[in-house]
Amino acid sequence: MKRKLWSGWVFAAAIVIGLLFQVTVYAAVIDPAAGEYVDGKYTNKAPAFSVQLPKTWVAQKPWPAETYRIANPNEWLIPVSTLIITDKAKDAPALGSDAAGEAYLKLLKDTNEGSSRHRIESKEVVNLSDGTQAMALIVKWRFKDGQTTLVTAVLVAYKDDKIINLTNTTVAGGAPPPEILLAIIKTLTFK
């Protein structure tokens, strides 16, 4: 009996230590020079802004070009939120224009090599809570495996000489729906 109790405590302690280590590892994957992610809030240093994600989502190792990758900690890590900040050209297209939508699709294709069937389902210009205008898109596309159809809620904003590309992606028909994923990233607030 004592042995069972002892092994139960050892098992429980191992799980707690593993969870603590996991939280530490997740916290370390966001470059502190770029920003920080605490209790569901990502705060970027330059340009200065924040976005509120679900508190249960955890930071993942970002893919090349991403500032962050934060995901729902389920088996598939979906939905997944990403941030890519690029330099803004002097002749950058107006938010909401067809050219701005095409510029985002090019970024999506460049950062997800082998993906296909990229289609903008909806596009509009929105005003964020701080008054900043942004372009909101819903994009449907195929992952590089050729089988998985994904839906991405996109928010593109211009700040100074940068383009902020925030996304939340899930599988087509997955939960939450794209409108909810878009509402999450519309919490973008510049300082």
Protein backbone atom coordinates (compact mmCIF):
# COMPACT_ATOMS: atom_id res chain seq x y z
CA MET A 1 0.00 0.00 0.00
CA LYS A 2 2.79 2.41 0.92
CA ARG A 3 4.55 1.62 -2.35
CA LYS A 4 1.40 2.45 -4.38
CA LEU A 5 0.94 5.69 -2.47
CA TRP A 6 4.62 6.58 -2.92
CA SER A 7 4.55 5.83 -6.67
CA GLY A 8 1.36 7.91 -6.99
CA TRP A 9 3.09 10.90 -5.36
CA VAL A 10 6.17 10.47 -7.57
CA PHE A 11 3.94 10.32 -10.65
CA ALA A 12 2.02 13.44 -9.56
CA ALA A 13 5.26 15.31 -8.82
CA ALA A 14 6.64 14.36 -12.24
CA ILE A 15 3.53 15.74 -13.92
CA VAL A 16 3.72 19.01 -11.95
CA ILE A 17 7.42 19.41 -12.74
CA GLY A 18 6.73 18.61 -16.39
CA LEU A 19 3.97 21.21 -16.54
CA LEU A 20 6.20 23.82 -14.91
CA PHE A 21 8.99 23.00 -17.35
CA GLN A 22 6.53 23.17 -20.25
CA VAL A 23 5.38 26.65 -19.19
CA THR A 24 9.00 27.76 -18.92
CA VAL A 25 9.81 26.37 -22.37
CA TYR A 26 6.75 28.06 -23.89
CA ALA A 27 7.64 31.40 -22.31
CA ALA A 28 11.16 31.18 -23.72
CA VAL A 29 10.14 30.74 -27.38
CA ILE A 30 9.16 34.39 -27.82
CA ASP A 31 12.21 36.58 -28.23
CA PRO A 32 12.13 39.00 -25.28
CA ALA A 33 13.68 41.68 -27.50
CA ALA A 34 10.53 41.53 -29.67
CA GLY A 35 7.84 41.21 -27.02
CA GLU A 36 6.27 39.08 -24.31
CA TYR A 37 3.27 36.81 -23.85
CA VAL A 38 1.72 36.72 -20.38
CA ASP A 39 -1.76 35.50 -19.38
CA GLY A 40 -3.03 35.53 -22.96
CA LYS A 41 -1.77 39.03 -23.76
CA TYR A 42 0.99 39.51 -26.30
CA THR A 43 2.78 42.87 -26.04
CA ASN A 44 5.10 43.88 -28.87
CA LYS A 45 7.92 46.36 -28.26
CA ALA A 46 8.42 48.02 -31.67
CA PRO A 47 6.03 49.00 -32.99
CA ALA A 48 4.32 49.13 -29.61
CA PHE A 49 1.03 47.24 -29.54
CA SER A 50 -0.80 44.46 -27.76
CA VAL A 51 -3.31 41.78 -28.69
CA GLN A 52 -5.41 39.67 -26.32
CA LEU A 53 -5.57 35.94 -27.08
CA PRO A 54 -7.35 33.23 -25.07
CA LYS A 55 -5.50 32.76 -21.77
CA THR A 56 -5.26 29.00 -22.31
CA TRP A 57 -3.29 29.31 -25.56
CA VAL A 58 0.46 28.70 -25.26
CA ALA A 59 3.51 29.97 -27.12
CA GLN A 60 5.12 27.62 -29.62
CA LYS A 61 8.40 27.79 -31.48
CA PRO A 62 7.76 30.31 -34.28
CA TRP A 63 8.26 29.32 -37.91
CA PRO A 64 10.73 31.35 -39.99
CA ALA A 65 9.60 34.98 -40.44
CA GLU A 66 7.14 34.77 -37.50
CA THR A 67 7.50 36.96 -34.43
CA TYR A 68 5.23 34.60 -32.50
CA ARG A 69 3.22 31.40 -32.86
CA ILE A 70 0.67 30.85 -30.10
CA ALA A 71 -1.72 27.90 -30.19
CA ASN A 72 -4.53 26.16 -28.41
CA PRO A 73 -2.69 23.38 -26.53
CA ASN A 74 -4.67 20.49 -28.00
CA GLU A 75 -3.41 17.53 -30.01
CA TRP A 76 -3.28 19.53 -33.27
CA LEU A 77 -2.29 22.94 -31.84
CA ILE A 78 -5.25 24.53 -33.63
CA PRO A 79 -6.37 27.27 -33.69
CA VAL A 80 -2.97 28.82 -34.06
CA SER A 81 -2.21 32.53 -33.95
CA THR A 82 0.80 34.01 -35.73
CA LEU A 83 2.37 37.43 -36.06
CA ILE A 84 4.58 38.50 -38.96
CA ILE A 85 5.93 42.05 -39.09
CA THR A 86 7.34 43.21 -42.41
CA ASP A 87 8.73 46.47 -43.73
CA LYS A 88 6.18 48.72 -45.41
CA ALA A 89 7.08 49.95 -48.87
CA LYS A 90 6.48 53.62 -49.63
CA ASP A 91 3.99 52.57 -52.31
CA ALA A 92 2.18 49.99 -50.13
CA PRO A 93 -1.38 49.43 -51.39
CA ALA A 94 -4.30 51.01 -49.56
CA LEU A 95 -5.81 48.77 -46.91
CA GLY A 96 -8.89 47.05 -48.28
CA SER A 97 -7.75 47.30 -51.89
CA ASP A 98 -7.45 44.23 -54.10
CA ALA A 99 -3.69 44.87 -54.19
CA ALA A 100 -3.48 44.74 -50.37
CA GLY A 101 -5.39 41.44 -50.37
CA GLU A 102 -3.05 40.04 -53.02
CA ALA A 103 -0.02 41.24 -51.01
CA TYR A 104 -1.26 39.24 -48.02
CA LEU A 105 -1.86 36.14 -50.19
CA LYS A 106 1.74 36.42 -51.46
CA LEU A 107 3.00 36.52 -47.86
CA LEU A 108 0.86 33.47 -47.03
CA LYS A 109 2.24 31.54 -50.00
CA ASP A 110 5.83 32.59 -49.24
CA THR A 111 5.63 31.53 -45.59
CA ASN A 112 3.73 28.29 -46.27
CA GLU A 113 5.65 26.84 -49.18
CA GLY A 114 3.74 24.15 -51.01
CA SER A 115 0.33 25.43 -49.92
CA SER A 116 -2.31 25.91 -52.61
CA ARG A 117 -5.81 27.11 -53.55
CA HIS A 118 -5.54 30.44 -51.72
CA ARG A 119 -8.85 32.29 -51.87
CA ILE A 120 -10.07 35.41 -50.08
CA GLU A 121 -13.56 34.67 -48.78
CA SER A 122 -14.20 38.15 -47.35
CA LYS A 123 -12.37 41.46 -47.11
CA GLU A 124 -13.21 44.69 -45.31
CA VAL A 125 -11.60 47.68 -43.67
CA VAL A 126 -12.32 47.89 -39.93
CA ASN A 127 -11.64 50.43 -37.21
CA LEU A 128 -9.89 49.01 -34.16
CA SER A 129 -10.77 50.16 -30.64
CA ASP A 130 -7.92 52.72 -30.69
CA GLY A 131 -9.16 54.18 -34.01
CA THR A 132 -6.53 52.52 -36.20
CA GLN A 133 -7.78 51.24 -39.54
CA ALA A 134 -6.97 47.66 -40.49
CA MET A 135 -7.86 45.22 -43.24
CA ALA A 136 -9.76 42.13 -42.09
CA LEU A 137 -9.73 39.05 -44.31
CA ILE A 138 -11.04 35.52 -44.16
CA VAL A 139 -8.84 33.29 -46.36
CA LYS A 140 -9.42 29.66 -47.28
CA TRP A 141 -6.44 27.60 -48.46
CA ARG A 142 -4.90 24.14 -48.64
CA PHE A 143 -1.98 23.15 -46.45
CA LYS A 144 1.08 21.71 -48.20
CA ASP A 145 -0.17 18.14 -47.58
CA GLY A 146 -2.79 18.87 -50.27
CA GLN A 147 -5.57 17.42 -48.12
CA THR A 148 -6.09 19.77 -45.20
CA THR A 149 -8.25 22.82 -45.90
CA LEU A 150 -7.53 25.70 -43.55
CA VAL A 151 -9.37 28.92 -42.81
CA THR A 152 -7.39 31.92 -41.66
CA ALA A 153 -8.74 35.10 -40.09
CA VAL A 154 -6.30 37.88 -40.97
CA LEU A 155 -5.82 41.39 -39.66
CA VAL A 156 -3.37 43.65 -41.50
CA ALA A 157 -2.46 47.06 -40.09
CA TYR A 158 0.11 49.68 -41.04
CA LYS A 159 2.09 51.36 -38.31
CA ASP A 160 4.90 53.76 -39.15
CA ASP A 161 7.13 51.88 -41.59
CA LYS A 162 5.86 48.39 -40.65
CA ILE A 163 3.06 46.05 -41.71
CA ILE A 164 1.55 44.03 -38.88
CA ASN A 165 0.04 40.74 -40.09
CA LEU A 166 -1.92 38.94 -37.37
CA THR A 167 -3.60 35.63 -38.13
CA ASN A 168 -5.69 32.97 -36.43
CA THR A 169 -5.95 29.71 -38.37
CA THR A 170 -8.07 26.59 -37.93
CA VAL A 171 -9.22 23.70 -40.11
CA ALA A 172 -12.21 24.37 -42.36
CA GLY A 173 -15.35 23.66 -40.36
CA GLY A 174 -13.34 23.74 -37.13
CA ALA A 175 -14.17 25.61 -33.97
CA PRO A 176 -14.24 28.45 -33.27
CA PRO A 177 -15.55 29.81 -36.57
CA PRO A 178 -13.51 32.37 -38.53
CA GLU A 179 -15.64 35.29 -37.30
CA ILE A 180 -14.70 34.50 -33.69
CA LEU A 181 -11.04 34.05 -34.66
CA LEU A 182 -11.16 37.46 -36.36
CA ALA A 183 -12.79 39.05 -33.29
CA ILE A 184 -9.85 37.78 -31.19
CA ILE A 185 -7.20 39.50 -33.32
CA LYS A 186 -9.29 42.66 -33.62
CA THR A 187 -8.20 43.28 -30.02
CA LEU A 188 -5.02 44.69 -31.57
CA THR A 189 -4.30 48.02 -29.85
CA PHE A 190 -1.41 50.34 -30.65
CA LYS A 191 0.24 52.38 -27.90
